[in-house]
Amino acid sequence: MSNPTRREFTKKSLLLALGPVAAENALFSSPLSDVRAEPQRAAGNFFEGFKREQIKTAGATINVVYGGKGSPLLLLHGIPETHVLWRKVAPLLAQNFTLVIADLRGYGDSSKPPGGADHVGYSKRAMAQDQVEVMEHLGFRKFAVVGHDRGGRVAHRMAIDHADRLTKLVILDIVPTYKCYQNVTKEFATVFFHWFLLVQPTPFPETMLENNAELFLQTMLFRLGGEEPGKEIPQWVGQPAYSEYLRCFRDPSAIRALCEDYRAAASIDLVHDAADLNKKIQCPLLVLWSEKGPFHRMYDVLQTWRERADQANGKALPAGHFLPEQVPEQLMTELKPFLGA
């Protein structure tokens, strides 16, 4: 039987904690041998004409939609979204590229394996390996990648571990994880409070989020997008996408996976990054970031990536954190010339 007093105390505690926070080849179409039964479908068809598969990798089962024509392009989302993040740009990109749009391990309708004692199950190395295997399974040995937020961190690791696979890389609105942890300021700790909440030992953060899943979702989605949580759903999100994000985010196994992702970022990922500081991204890199976001205030974003890449160019876009949803047309203006060159 549940304990309403404890539940209410936990809810009020998180409300107090969050209140002052301010905002983070042609298509290979032969049958797939590792297709799994589909989980509950997303509410609404966000990718008209795309195929949907569950592809088993060595460590997880990855939910994927794919379609279009042209050279292969992998799109990776961040938190608190799923592959649905790409719904606005996918129809435009699909005119020139074969898109593979995946839920990361632990997110959306992908599987959520245990993290393990050292959180290696959610290391960006493991998450990048999933996506390399997905692309290989679909017949693409070489491909371009666009990664937003956590997807950008996975893409960065992929560029280091699988340099021979990537033809081009686009990273949206992050700076390297290692750089972030080497330069923690009061502003960083305030804006990115969740980096420090989610890494706490289980079951503390999991319990907090399970009791307040929608509040946490709104805090992350709306404030990083420049909105106030608890009010009308912003037009750039829309009710169908918001409902889908909430469906996925409130799953206890997804909350556990989210915490493991951040625990990995603060531990095993830093070990991997420190060991590879002398390795640079070899493929052409485009970096785009939010003009209204905290990275723009706290870092010279382009310079941080030029330190980690052989060739990098980029610019800020006039939006909040969620560039594919907030400014899809402006994002396309930058992506098409770079990816098509």
C-alpha atoms as a PDB file:
ATOM      1  CA  MET A   1       0.000   0.000   0.000  1.00  0.00           C
ATOM      2  CA  SER A   2       1.390   3.458  -0.899  1.00  0.00           C
ATOM      3  CA  ASN A   3       2.331   6.011   1.703  1.00  0.00           C
ATOM      4  CA  PRO A   4       0.567   9.306   0.802  1.00  0.00           C
ATOM      5  CA  THR A   5       2.411  11.293   3.446  1.00  0.00           C
ATOM      6  CA  ARG A   6       5.814  10.245   2.150  1.00  0.00           C
ATOM      7  CA  ARG A   7       4.719  10.784  -1.445  1.00  0.00           C
ATOM      8  CA  GLU A   8       3.430  14.282  -0.719  1.00  0.00           C
ATOM      9  CA  PHE A   9       6.624  15.166   1.175  1.00  0.00           C
ATOM     10  CA  THR A  10       8.748  14.025  -1.767  1.00  0.00           C
ATOM     11  CA  LYS A  11       6.627  16.012  -4.199  1.00  0.00           C
ATOM     12  CA  LYS A  12       6.861  19.193  -2.155  1.00  0.00           C
ATOM     13  CA  SER A  13      10.612  18.741  -1.733  1.00  0.00           C
ATOM     14  CA  LEU A  14      11.166  18.598  -5.477  1.00  0.00           C
ATOM     15  CA  LEU A  15       8.898  21.592  -6.042  1.00  0.00           C
ATOM     16  CA  LEU A  16      11.028  23.605  -3.644  1.00  0.00           C
ATOM     17  CA  ALA A  17      14.218  22.399  -5.291  1.00  0.00           C
ATOM     18  CA  LEU A  18      13.099  23.207  -8.809  1.00  0.00           C
ATOM     19  CA  GLY A  19      11.246  26.444  -8.184  1.00  0.00           C
ATOM     20  CA  PRO A  20      14.180  28.887  -8.470  1.00  0.00           C
ATOM     21  CA  VAL A  21      16.046  26.967 -11.168  1.00  0.00           C
ATOM     22  CA  ALA A  22      16.521  28.623 -14.543  1.00  0.00           C
ATOM     23  CA  ALA A  23      17.318  26.597 -17.361  1.00  0.00           C
ATOM     24  CA  GLU A  24      19.403  21.487 -21.287  1.00  0.00           C
ATOM     25  CA  ASN A  25      23.614   5.038 -50.222  1.00  0.00           C
ATOM     26  CA  ALA A  26      20.145   3.975 -51.154  1.00  0.00           C
ATOM     27  CA  LEU A  27      18.006   2.455 -48.519  1.00  0.00           C
ATOM     28  CA  PHE A  28      18.820  -1.167 -47.687  1.00  0.00           C
ATOM     29  CA  SER A  29      15.403  -2.752 -47.755  1.00  0.00           C
ATOM     30  CA  SER A  30      15.948  -6.485 -47.378  1.00  0.00           C
ATOM     31  CA  PRO A  31      14.260  -8.107 -44.349  1.00  0.00           C
ATOM     32  CA  LEU A  32      15.996  -7.556 -41.049  1.00  0.00           C
ATOM     33  CA  SER A  33      16.891 -10.672 -39.141  1.00  0.00           C
ATOM     34  CA  ASP A  34      16.833  -9.041 -35.716  1.00  0.00           C
ATOM     35  CA  VAL A  35      13.426  -7.365 -35.771  1.00  0.00           C
ATOM     36  CA  ARG A  36      11.622  -7.539 -32.443  1.00  0.00           C
ATOM     37  CA  ALA A  37       7.945  -7.192 -31.657  1.00  0.00           C
ATOM     38  CA  GLU A  38       6.968  -3.543 -31.584  1.00  0.00           C
ATOM     39  CA  PRO A  39       6.209  -1.933 -28.218  1.00  0.00           C
ATOM     40  CA  GLN A  40       3.243   0.350 -27.694  1.00  0.00           C
ATOM     41  CA  ARG A  41       3.098   2.730 -30.630  1.00  0.00           C
ATOM     42  CA  ALA A  42       3.576   6.426 -30.284  1.00  0.00           C
ATOM     43  CA  ALA A  43       0.374   8.439 -30.142  1.00  0.00           C
ATOM     44  CA  GLY A  44       0.095   9.845 -33.650  1.00  0.00           C
ATOM     45  CA  ASN A  45       2.072   9.324 -36.815  1.00  0.00           C
ATOM     46  CA  PHE A  46       4.993  11.718 -36.638  1.00  0.00           C
ATOM     47  CA  PHE A  47       6.882  10.221 -39.608  1.00  0.00           C
ATOM     48  CA  GLU A  48       4.433   9.615 -42.440  1.00  0.00           C
ATOM     49  CA  GLY A  49       5.809   7.123 -44.978  1.00  0.00           C
ATOM     50  CA  PHE A  50       8.740   6.016 -42.786  1.00  0.00           C
ATOM     51  CA  LYS A  51       9.317   2.392 -41.765  1.00  0.00           C
ATOM     52  CA  ARG A  52       9.657   1.416 -38.118  1.00  0.00           C
ATOM     53  CA  GLU A  53      11.813  -1.389 -36.725  1.00  0.00           C
ATOM     54  CA  GLN A  54      13.195  -2.734 -33.471  1.00  0.00           C
ATOM     55  CA  ILE A  55      16.835  -3.655 -34.135  1.00  0.00           C
ATOM     56  CA  LYS A  56      18.806  -5.809 -31.711  1.00  0.00           C
ATOM     57  CA  THR A  57      22.388  -4.759 -31.016  1.00  0.00           C
ATOM     58  CA  ALA A  58      24.979  -6.460 -28.829  1.00  0.00           C
ATOM     59  CA  GLY A  59      23.744  -4.597 -25.759  1.00  0.00           C
ATOM     60  CA  ALA A  60      20.231  -3.304 -26.404  1.00  0.00           C
ATOM     61  CA  THR A  61      17.244  -3.217 -28.744  1.00  0.00           C
ATOM     62  CA  ILE A  62      16.980   0.106 -30.553  1.00  0.00           C
ATOM     63  CA  ASN A  63      13.730   1.629 -31.776  1.00  0.00           C
ATOM     64  CA  VAL A  64      14.236   3.156 -35.238  1.00  0.00           C
ATOM     65  CA  VAL A  65      12.224   4.877 -37.936  1.00  0.00           C
ATOM     66  CA  TYR A  66      13.821   5.235 -41.366  1.00  0.00           C
ATOM     67  CA  GLY A  67      13.017   6.520 -44.812  1.00  0.00           C
ATOM     68  CA  GLY A  68      13.940   8.941 -47.563  1.00  0.00           C
ATOM     69  CA  LYS A  69      16.404   8.728 -50.409  1.00  0.00           C
ATOM     70  CA  GLY A  70      20.075   9.512 -50.831  1.00  0.00           C
ATOM     71  CA  SER A  71      23.144   9.156 -48.647  1.00  0.00           C
ATOM     72  CA  PRO A  72      22.587   7.861 -45.095  1.00  0.00           C
ATOM     73  CA  LEU A  73      22.100  10.279 -42.210  1.00  0.00           C
ATOM     74  CA  LEU A  74      21.651   9.243 -38.575  1.00  0.00           C
ATOM     75  CA  LEU A  75      19.690  11.600 -36.289  1.00  0.00           C
ATOM     76  CA  LEU A  76      20.109  11.329 -32.496  1.00  0.00           C
ATOM     77  CA  HIS A  77      17.959  13.137 -29.934  1.00  0.00           C
ATOM     78  CA  GLY A  78      18.668  14.466 -26.447  1.00  0.00           C
ATOM     79  CA  ILE A  79      16.680  14.708 -23.210  1.00  0.00           C
ATOM     80  CA  PRO A  80      13.875  14.932 -22.369  1.00  0.00           C
ATOM     81  CA  GLU A  81      12.821  13.945 -25.871  1.00  0.00           C
ATOM     82  CA  THR A  82      12.799  10.865 -28.074  1.00  0.00           C
ATOM     83  CA  HIS A  83      13.297  10.421 -31.834  1.00  0.00           C
ATOM     84  CA  VAL A  84      10.111  12.514 -32.181  1.00  0.00           C
ATOM     85  CA  LEU A  85      12.364  15.577 -31.784  1.00  0.00           C
ATOM     86  CA  TRP A  86      13.137  15.299 -35.527  1.00  0.00           C
ATOM     87  CA  ARG A  87       9.507  15.301 -36.772  1.00  0.00           C
ATOM     88  CA  LYS A  88       9.718  18.802 -38.288  1.00  0.00           C
ATOM     89  CA  VAL A  89      13.003  18.490 -40.169  1.00  0.00           C
ATOM     90  CA  ALA A  90      12.646  14.832 -41.266  1.00  0.00           C
ATOM     91  CA  PRO A  91      10.286  15.483 -44.227  1.00  0.00           C
ATOM     92  CA  LEU A  92      12.687  18.097 -45.590  1.00  0.00           C
ATOM     93  CA  LEU A  93      15.867  16.094 -45.047  1.00  0.00           C
ATOM     94  CA  ALA A  94      14.250  12.942 -46.494  1.00  0.00           C
ATOM     95  CA  GLN A  95      14.160  14.619 -49.904  1.00  0.00           C
ATOM     96  CA  ASN A  96      17.954  14.305 -50.116  1.00  0.00           C
ATOM     97  CA  PHE A  97      19.005  11.789 -47.475  1.00  0.00           C
ATOM     98  CA  THR A  98      18.084   8.331 -46.249  1.00  0.00           C
ATOM     99  CA  LEU A  99      17.267   9.091 -42.642  1.00  0.00           C
ATOM    100  CA  VAL A 100      17.725   6.727 -39.725  1.00  0.00           C
ATOM    101  CA  ILE A 101      16.072   8.274 -36.666  1.00  0.00           C
ATOM    102  CA  ALA A 102      16.708   6.324 -33.490  1.00  0.00           C
ATOM    103  CA  ASP A 103      15.777   6.330 -29.835  1.00  0.00           C
ATOM    104  CA  LEU A 104      18.958   6.129 -27.805  1.00  0.00           C
ATOM    105  CA  ARG A 105      19.424   3.190 -25.464  1.00  0.00           C
ATOM    106  CA  GLY A 106      17.331   3.909 -22.363  1.00  0.00           C
ATOM    107  CA  TYR A 107      15.012   6.366 -24.111  1.00  0.00           C
ATOM    108  CA  GLY A 108      11.683   6.247 -25.923  1.00  0.00           C
ATOM    109  CA  ASP A 109      10.823   2.749 -27.069  1.00  0.00           C
ATOM    110  CA  SER A 110      14.390   1.440 -27.097  1.00  0.00           C
ATOM    111  CA  SER A 111      15.273  -1.096 -24.416  1.00  0.00           C
ATOM    112  CA  LYS A 112      16.591  -0.036 -21.039  1.00  0.00           C
ATOM    113  CA  PRO A 113      19.280  -2.487 -19.916  1.00  0.00           C
ATOM    114  CA  PRO A 114      20.971  -2.300 -16.510  1.00  0.00           C
ATOM    115  CA  GLY A 115      23.768   0.197 -16.123  1.00  0.00           C
ATOM    116  CA  GLY A 116      26.102  -2.133 -14.255  1.00  0.00           C
ATOM    117  CA  ALA A 117      28.282  -1.417 -11.266  1.00  0.00           C
ATOM    118  CA  ASP A 118      30.369   1.211 -13.087  1.00  0.00           C
ATOM    119  CA  HIS A 119      27.458   2.534 -15.228  1.00  0.00           C
ATOM    120  CA  VAL A 120      29.229   1.256 -18.340  1.00  0.00           C
ATOM    121  CA  GLY A 121      25.865   0.185 -19.779  1.00  0.00           C
ATOM    122  CA  TYR A 122      25.107   3.856 -20.328  1.00  0.00           C
ATOM    123  CA  SER A 123      28.561   5.016 -21.274  1.00  0.00           C
ATOM    124  CA  LYS A 124      28.553   7.043 -24.462  1.00  0.00           C
ATOM    125  CA  ARG A 125      30.853   4.345 -25.848  1.00  0.00           C
ATOM    126  CA  ALA A 126      28.127   1.704 -25.389  1.00  0.00           C
ATOM    127  CA  MET A 127      25.407   4.028 -26.696  1.00  0.00           C
ATOM    128  CA  ALA A 128      27.503   4.927 -29.749  1.00  0.00           C
ATOM    129  CA  GLN A 129      28.182   1.238 -30.425  1.00  0.00           C
ATOM    130  CA  ASP A 130      24.423   0.626 -30.533  1.00  0.00           C
ATOM    131  CA  GLN A 131      23.994   3.164 -33.290  1.00  0.00           C
ATOM    132  CA  VAL A 132      26.955   1.905 -35.328  1.00  0.00           C
ATOM    133  CA  GLU A 133      25.410  -1.572 -35.207  1.00  0.00           C
ATOM    134  CA  VAL A 134      22.013  -0.188 -36.233  1.00  0.00           C
ATOM    135  CA  MET A 135      23.543   1.505 -39.266  1.00  0.00           C
ATOM    136  CA  GLU A 136      25.551  -1.605 -40.165  1.00  0.00           C
ATOM    137  CA  HIS A 137      22.393  -3.696 -39.874  1.00  0.00           C
ATOM    138  CA  LEU A 138      20.600  -1.398 -42.312  1.00  0.00           C
ATOM    139  CA  GLY A 139      23.484  -1.659 -44.766  1.00  0.00           C
ATOM    140  CA  PHE A 140      25.320   1.580 -44.037  1.00  0.00           C
ATOM    141  CA  ARG A 141      28.979   1.302 -43.166  1.00  0.00           C
ATOM    142  CA  LYS A 142      29.649   5.011 -43.623  1.00  0.00           C
ATOM    143  CA  PHE A 143      27.193   7.739 -42.765  1.00  0.00           C
ATOM    144  CA  ALA A 144      26.728  11.271 -41.473  1.00  0.00           C
ATOM    145  CA  VAL A 145      25.360  12.072 -38.003  1.00  0.00           C
ATOM    146  CA  VAL A 146      23.423  14.939 -36.451  1.00  0.00           C
ATOM    147  CA  GLY A 147      23.244  14.776 -32.662  1.00  0.00           C
ATOM    148  CA  HIS A 148      21.356  17.075 -30.294  1.00  0.00           C
ATOM    149  CA  ASP A 149      22.125  17.298 -26.563  1.00  0.00           C
ATOM    150  CA  ARG A 150      22.779  13.746 -25.233  1.00  0.00           C
ATOM    151  CA  GLY A 151      22.699  12.569 -28.846  1.00  0.00           C
ATOM    152  CA  GLY A 152      25.519  15.000 -29.533  1.00  0.00           C
ATOM    153  CA  ARG A 153      27.570  13.465 -26.733  1.00  0.00           C
ATOM    154  CA  VAL A 154      26.955   9.994 -28.161  1.00  0.00           C
ATOM    155  CA  ALA A 155      27.915  11.307 -31.615  1.00  0.00           C
ATOM    156  CA  HIS A 156      31.132  12.836 -30.239  1.00  0.00           C
ATOM    157  CA  ARG A 157      32.164   9.488 -28.763  1.00  0.00           C
ATOM    158  CA  MET A 158      31.200   7.760 -32.033  1.00  0.00           C
ATOM    159  CA  ALA A 159      33.500  10.122 -33.945  1.00  0.00           C
ATOM    160  CA  ILE A 160      36.393   9.133 -31.667  1.00  0.00           C
ATOM    161  CA  ASP A 161      35.739   5.376 -31.457  1.00  0.00           C
ATOM    162  CA  HIS A 162      34.536   4.895 -35.057  1.00  0.00           C
ATOM    163  CA  ALA A 163      36.340   7.558 -37.039  1.00  0.00           C
ATOM    164  CA  ASP A 164      36.247   5.400 -40.168  1.00  0.00           C
ATOM    165  CA  ARG A 165      32.437   5.354 -40.111  1.00  0.00           C
ATOM    166  CA  LEU A 166      31.535   9.027 -40.023  1.00  0.00           C
ATOM    167  CA  THR A 167      31.547  11.151 -43.167  1.00  0.00           C
ATOM    168  CA  LYS A 168      30.273  14.341 -41.490  1.00  0.00           C
ATOM    169  CA  LEU A 169      29.132  15.338 -38.037  1.00  0.00           C
ATOM    170  CA  VAL A 170      26.753  18.012 -36.771  1.00  0.00           C
ATOM    171  CA  ILE A 171      26.522  18.694 -33.025  1.00  0.00           C
ATOM    172  CA  LEU A 172      23.677  20.800 -31.647  1.00  0.00           C
ATOM    173  CA  ASP A 173      23.880  22.953 -28.518  1.00  0.00           C
ATOM    174  CA  ILE A 174      26.446  21.313 -26.289  1.00  0.00           C
ATOM    175  CA  VAL A 175      30.106  21.612 -25.431  1.00  0.00           C
ATOM    176  CA  PRO A 176      32.201  18.505 -24.685  1.00  0.00           C
ATOM    177  CA  THR A 177      31.335  16.737 -21.429  1.00  0.00           C
ATOM    178  CA  TYR A 178      34.938  16.711 -20.243  1.00  0.00           C
ATOM    179  CA  LYS A 179      35.144  20.480 -20.721  1.00  0.00           C
ATOM    180  CA  CYS A 180      31.976  21.008 -18.697  1.00  0.00           C
ATOM    181  CA  TYR A 181      33.214  19.058 -15.698  1.00  0.00           C
ATOM    182  CA  GLN A 182      36.591  20.816 -15.725  1.00  0.00           C
ATOM    183  CA  ASN A 183      34.930  24.238 -15.495  1.00  0.00           C
ATOM    184  CA  VAL A 184      32.066  24.024 -13.008  1.00  0.00           C
ATOM    185  CA  THR A 185      30.892  27.466 -11.929  1.00  0.00           C
ATOM    186  CA  LYS A 186      27.986  28.665  -9.813  1.00  0.00           C
ATOM    187  CA  GLU A 187      26.035  29.478 -12.992  1.00  0.00           C
ATOM    188  CA  PHE A 188      26.738  26.054 -14.479  1.00  0.00           C
ATOM    189  CA  ALA A 189      25.666  24.254 -11.294  1.00  0.00           C
ATOM    190  CA  THR A 190      22.469  26.316 -11.134  1.00  0.00           C
ATOM    191  CA  VAL A 191      21.400  25.944 -14.738  1.00  0.00           C
ATOM    192  CA  PHE A 192      22.504  22.315 -15.037  1.00  0.00           C
ATOM    193  CA  PHE A 193      21.304  21.281 -11.587  1.00  0.00           C
ATOM    194  CA  HIS A 194      20.114  17.959 -13.030  1.00  0.00           C
ATOM    195  CA  TRP A 195      23.699  16.926 -13.802  1.00  0.00           C
ATOM    196  CA  PHE A 196      24.265  16.807 -10.039  1.00  0.00           C
ATOM    197  CA  LEU A 197      20.825  15.561  -8.968  1.00  0.00           C
ATOM    198  CA  LEU A 198      20.666  12.577 -11.298  1.00  0.00           C
ATOM    199  CA  VAL A 199      24.113  11.229 -10.394  1.00  0.00           C
ATOM    200  CA  GLN A 200      23.171  10.723  -6.730  1.00  0.00           C
ATOM    201  CA  PRO A 201      23.060   7.105  -5.541  1.00  0.00           C
ATOM    202  CA  THR A 202      19.937   5.114  -6.307  1.00  0.00           C
ATOM    203  CA  PRO A 203      17.111   5.236  -5.355  1.00  0.00           C
ATOM    204  CA  PHE A 204      17.081   8.918  -4.387  1.00  0.00           C
ATOM    205  CA  PRO A 205      16.846  10.626  -7.805  1.00  0.00           C
ATOM    206  CA  GLU A 206      14.731   7.834  -9.263  1.00  0.00           C
ATOM    207  CA  THR A 207      12.182   8.242  -6.449  1.00  0.00           C
ATOM    208  CA  MET A 208      12.106  12.012  -6.818  1.00  0.00           C
ATOM    209  CA  LEU A 209      11.485  11.817 -10.548  1.00  0.00           C
ATOM    210  CA  GLU A 210       8.950   8.991 -10.385  1.00  0.00           C
ATOM    211  CA  ASN A 211       6.826  11.054  -7.995  1.00  0.00           C
ATOM    212  CA  ASN A 212       7.120  14.180 -10.133  1.00  0.00           C
ATOM    213  CA  ALA A 213       7.751  12.994 -13.693  1.00  0.00           C
ATOM    214  CA  GLU A 214       5.673  15.659 -15.447  1.00  0.00           C
ATOM    215  CA  LEU A 215       7.081  18.496 -13.353  1.00  0.00           C
ATOM    216  CA  PHE A 216      10.622  17.420 -14.166  1.00  0.00           C
ATOM    217  CA  LEU A 217       9.748  16.974 -17.854  1.00  0.00           C
ATOM    218  CA  GLN A 218       8.292  20.472 -18.013  1.00  0.00           C
ATOM    219  CA  THR A 219      11.240  21.970 -16.161  1.00  0.00           C
ATOM    220  CA  MET A 220      13.699  20.466 -18.613  1.00  0.00           C
ATOM    221  CA  LEU A 221      11.667  20.907 -21.795  1.00  0.00           C
ATOM    222  CA  PHE A 222      10.100  24.295 -21.285  1.00  0.00           C
ATOM    223  CA  ARG A 223      12.734  26.229 -19.386  1.00  0.00           C
ATOM    224  CA  LEU A 224      15.604  25.142 -21.612  1.00  0.00           C
ATOM    225  CA  GLY A 225      13.351  26.130 -24.501  1.00  0.00           C
ATOM    226  CA  GLY A 226      12.799  29.556 -22.952  1.00  0.00           C
ATOM    227  CA  GLU A 227       9.325  28.892 -21.505  1.00  0.00           C
ATOM    228  CA  GLU A 228       7.906  28.691 -17.982  1.00  0.00           C
ATOM    229  CA  PRO A 229       6.762  25.243 -16.838  1.00  0.00           C
ATOM    230  CA  GLY A 230       3.181  24.702 -15.771  1.00  0.00           C
ATOM    231  CA  LYS A 231       1.608  26.964 -18.356  1.00  0.00           C
ATOM    232  CA  GLU A 232       0.291  26.247 -21.833  1.00  0.00           C
ATOM    233  CA  ILE A 233       2.293  23.792 -23.907  1.00  0.00           C
ATOM    234  CA  PRO A 234       4.466  25.901 -26.221  1.00  0.00           C
ATOM    235  CA  GLN A 235       3.439  25.882 -29.859  1.00  0.00           C
ATOM    236  CA  TRP A 236       6.863  24.642 -30.918  1.00  0.00           C
ATOM    237  CA  VAL A 237       6.259  21.459 -28.914  1.00  0.00           C
ATOM    238  CA  GLY A 238       2.540  20.943 -29.493  1.00  0.00           C
ATOM    239  CA  GLN A 239       0.216  18.619 -27.602  1.00  0.00           C
ATOM    240  CA  PRO A 240       0.867  15.411 -29.627  1.00  0.00           C
ATOM    241  CA  ALA A 241       4.645  15.578 -29.185  1.00  0.00           C
ATOM    242  CA  TYR A 242       4.356  16.619 -25.539  1.00  0.00           C
ATOM    243  CA  SER A 243       2.023  13.688 -24.812  1.00  0.00           C
ATOM    244  CA  GLU A 244       4.500  11.347 -26.478  1.00  0.00           C
ATOM    245  CA  TYR A 245       7.432  12.706 -24.492  1.00  0.00           C
ATOM    246  CA  LEU A 246       5.420  12.326 -21.288  1.00  0.00           C
ATOM    247  CA  ARG A 247       4.363   8.758 -22.161  1.00  0.00           C
ATOM    248  CA  CYS A 248       8.001   7.764 -22.507  1.00  0.00           C
ATOM    249  CA  PHE A 249       9.454   9.904 -19.742  1.00  0.00           C
ATOM    250  CA  ARG A 250       7.160   8.750 -16.933  1.00  0.00           C
ATOM    251  CA  ASP A 251       8.130   5.070 -17.414  1.00  0.00           C
ATOM    252  CA  PRO A 252      10.089   4.081 -14.259  1.00  0.00           C
ATOM    253  CA  SER A 253      12.576   2.110 -16.361  1.00  0.00           C
ATOM    254  CA  ALA A 254      13.214   5.224 -18.464  1.00  0.00           C
ATOM    255  CA  ILE A 255      13.809   7.274 -15.319  1.00  0.00           C
ATOM    256  CA  ARG A 256      16.281   4.686 -14.080  1.00  0.00           C
ATOM    257  CA  ALA A 257      18.034   4.737 -17.460  1.00  0.00           C
ATOM    258  CA  LEU A 258      18.160   8.535 -17.445  1.00  0.00           C
ATOM    259  CA  CYS A 259      19.918   8.525 -14.084  1.00  0.00           C
ATOM    260  CA  GLU A 260      22.359   5.880 -15.303  1.00  0.00           C
ATOM    261  CA  ASP A 261      23.115   7.995 -18.380  1.00  0.00           C
ATOM    262  CA  TYR A 262      24.118  10.927 -16.181  1.00  0.00           C
ATOM    263  CA  ARG A 263      25.995   8.735 -13.704  1.00  0.00           C
ATOM    264  CA  ALA A 264      27.991   7.368 -16.636  1.00  0.00           C
ATOM    265  CA  ALA A 265      28.691  10.910 -17.847  1.00  0.00           C
ATOM    266  CA  ALA A 266      30.161  11.808 -14.458  1.00  0.00           C
ATOM    267  CA  SER A 267      32.289   8.663 -14.154  1.00  0.00           C
ATOM    268  CA  ILE A 268      33.147   6.168 -16.904  1.00  0.00           C
ATOM    269  CA  ASP A 269      32.666   8.707 -19.697  1.00  0.00           C
ATOM    270  CA  LEU A 270      35.226  11.031 -18.079  1.00  0.00           C
ATOM    271  CA  VAL A 271      37.689   8.132 -17.888  1.00  0.00           C
ATOM    272  CA  HIS A 272      37.208   7.454 -21.608  1.00  0.00           C
ATOM    273  CA  ASP A 273      37.439  11.156 -22.460  1.00  0.00           C
ATOM    274  CA  ALA A 274      40.598  11.701 -20.442  1.00  0.00           C
ATOM    275  CA  ALA A 275      42.251   8.747 -22.173  1.00  0.00           C
ATOM    276  CA  ASP A 276      41.360  10.201 -25.598  1.00  0.00           C
ATOM    277  CA  LEU A 277      42.176  13.873 -25.151  1.00  0.00           C
ATOM    278  CA  ASN A 278      44.822  13.590 -27.861  1.00  0.00           C
ATOM    279  CA  LYS A 279      42.279  12.187 -30.366  1.00  0.00           C
ATOM    280  CA  LYS A 280      40.362  14.653 -32.493  1.00  0.00           C
ATOM    281  CA  ILE A 281      37.224  14.407 -34.597  1.00  0.00           C
ATOM    282  CA  GLN A 282      38.552  13.705 -38.091  1.00  0.00           C
ATOM    283  CA  CYS A 283      35.483  14.286 -40.255  1.00  0.00           C
ATOM    284  CA  PRO A 284      34.148  17.771 -41.040  1.00  0.00           C
ATOM    285  CA  LEU A 285      32.245  19.143 -38.033  1.00  0.00           C
ATOM    286  CA  LEU A 286      29.432  21.705 -37.946  1.00  0.00           C
ATOM    287  CA  VAL A 287      28.484  23.090 -34.533  1.00  0.00           C
ATOM    288  CA  LEU A 288      25.233  24.989 -34.013  1.00  0.00           C
ATOM    289  CA  TRP A 289      24.037  26.314 -30.693  1.00  0.00           C
ATOM    290  CA  SER A 290      21.343  28.351 -28.998  1.00  0.00           C
ATOM    291  CA  GLU A 291      21.839  32.107 -28.932  1.00  0.00           C
ATOM    292  CA  LYS A 292      19.467  32.244 -25.945  1.00  0.00           C
ATOM    293  CA  GLY A 293      20.993  29.313 -24.080  1.00  0.00           C
ATOM    294  CA  PRO A 294      23.544  28.991 -21.284  1.00  0.00           C
ATOM    295  CA  PHE A 295      26.355  27.545 -23.404  1.00  0.00           C
ATOM    296  CA  HIS A 296      26.358  30.756 -25.458  1.00  0.00           C
ATOM    297  CA  ARG A 297      26.856  32.747 -22.236  1.00  0.00           C
ATOM    298  CA  MET A 298      29.374  30.498 -20.531  1.00  0.00           C
ATOM    299  CA  TYR A 299      31.662  29.322 -23.347  1.00  0.00           C
ATOM    300  CA  ASP A 300      33.177  30.212 -26.658  1.00  0.00           C
ATOM    301  CA  VAL A 301      31.271  27.251 -28.094  1.00  0.00           C
ATOM    302  CA  LEU A 302      32.988  27.082 -31.454  1.00  0.00           C
ATOM    303  CA  GLN A 303      36.452  27.357 -29.948  1.00  0.00           C
ATOM    304  CA  THR A 304      35.754  24.492 -27.518  1.00  0.00           C
ATOM    305  CA  TRP A 305      34.964  22.264 -30.506  1.00  0.00           C
ATOM    306  CA  ARG A 306      37.906  23.489 -32.568  1.00  0.00           C
ATOM    307  CA  GLU A 307      40.072  22.182 -29.736  1.00  0.00           C
ATOM    308  CA  ARG A 308      38.496  18.735 -30.248  1.00  0.00           C
ATOM    309  CA  ALA A 309      38.293  18.572 -34.068  1.00  0.00           C
ATOM    310  CA  ASP A 310      40.546  18.802 -37.098  1.00  0.00           C
ATOM    311  CA  GLN A 311      38.072  21.140 -38.787  1.00  0.00           C
ATOM    312  CA  ALA A 312      35.058  22.797 -37.214  1.00  0.00           C
ATOM    313  CA  ASN A 313      32.763  25.645 -38.165  1.00  0.00           C
ATOM    314  CA  GLY A 314      29.481  26.869 -36.758  1.00  0.00           C
ATOM    315  CA  LYS A 315      27.273  29.614 -35.430  1.00  0.00           C
ATOM    316  CA  ALA A 316      24.556  30.451 -32.927  1.00  0.00           C
ATOM    317  CA  LEU A 317      20.899  30.280 -33.968  1.00  0.00           C
ATOM    318  CA  PRO A 318      18.194  32.582 -32.505  1.00  0.00           C
ATOM    319  CA  ALA A 319      16.352  30.021 -30.388  1.00  0.00           C
ATOM    320  CA  GLY A 320      16.290  28.104 -27.146  1.00  0.00           C
ATOM    321  CA  HIS A 321      17.924  24.726 -26.656  1.00  0.00           C
ATOM    322  CA  PHE A 322      15.632  22.699 -28.934  1.00  0.00           C
ATOM    323  CA  LEU A 323      16.789  23.839 -32.369  1.00  0.00           C
ATOM    324  CA  PRO A 324      15.056  21.088 -34.426  1.00  0.00           C
ATOM    325  CA  GLU A 325      11.712  22.016 -32.870  1.00  0.00           C
ATOM    326  CA  GLN A 326      12.043  25.752 -32.360  1.00  0.00           C
ATOM    327  CA  VAL A 327      13.781  26.874 -35.570  1.00  0.00           C
ATOM    328  CA  PRO A 328      13.511  23.957 -38.038  1.00  0.00           C
ATOM    329  CA  GLU A 329      13.736  26.181 -41.140  1.00  0.00           C
ATOM    330  CA  GLN A 330      16.854  27.991 -39.942  1.00  0.00           C
ATOM    331  CA  LEU A 331      18.388  24.694 -38.908  1.00  0.00           C
ATOM    332  CA  MET A 332      17.718  23.284 -42.374  1.00  0.00           C
ATOM    333  CA  THR A 333      19.403  26.335 -43.928  1.00  0.00           C
ATOM    334  CA  GLU A 334      22.608  25.340 -42.120  1.00  0.00           C
ATOM    335  CA  LEU A 335      22.331  21.557 -42.444  1.00  0.00           C
ATOM    336  CA  LYS A 336      21.644  21.147 -46.148  1.00  0.00           C
ATOM    337  CA  PRO A 337      24.738  22.923 -47.542  1.00  0.00           C
ATOM    338  CA  PHE A 338      27.025  21.248 -45.000  1.00  0.00           C
ATOM    339  CA  LEU A 339      25.663  17.725 -45.359  1.00  0.00           C
ATOM    340  CA  GLY A 340      25.242  17.992 -49.122  1.00  0.00           C
ATOM    341  CA  ALA A 341      28.676  19.471 -49.876  1.00  0.00           C
END
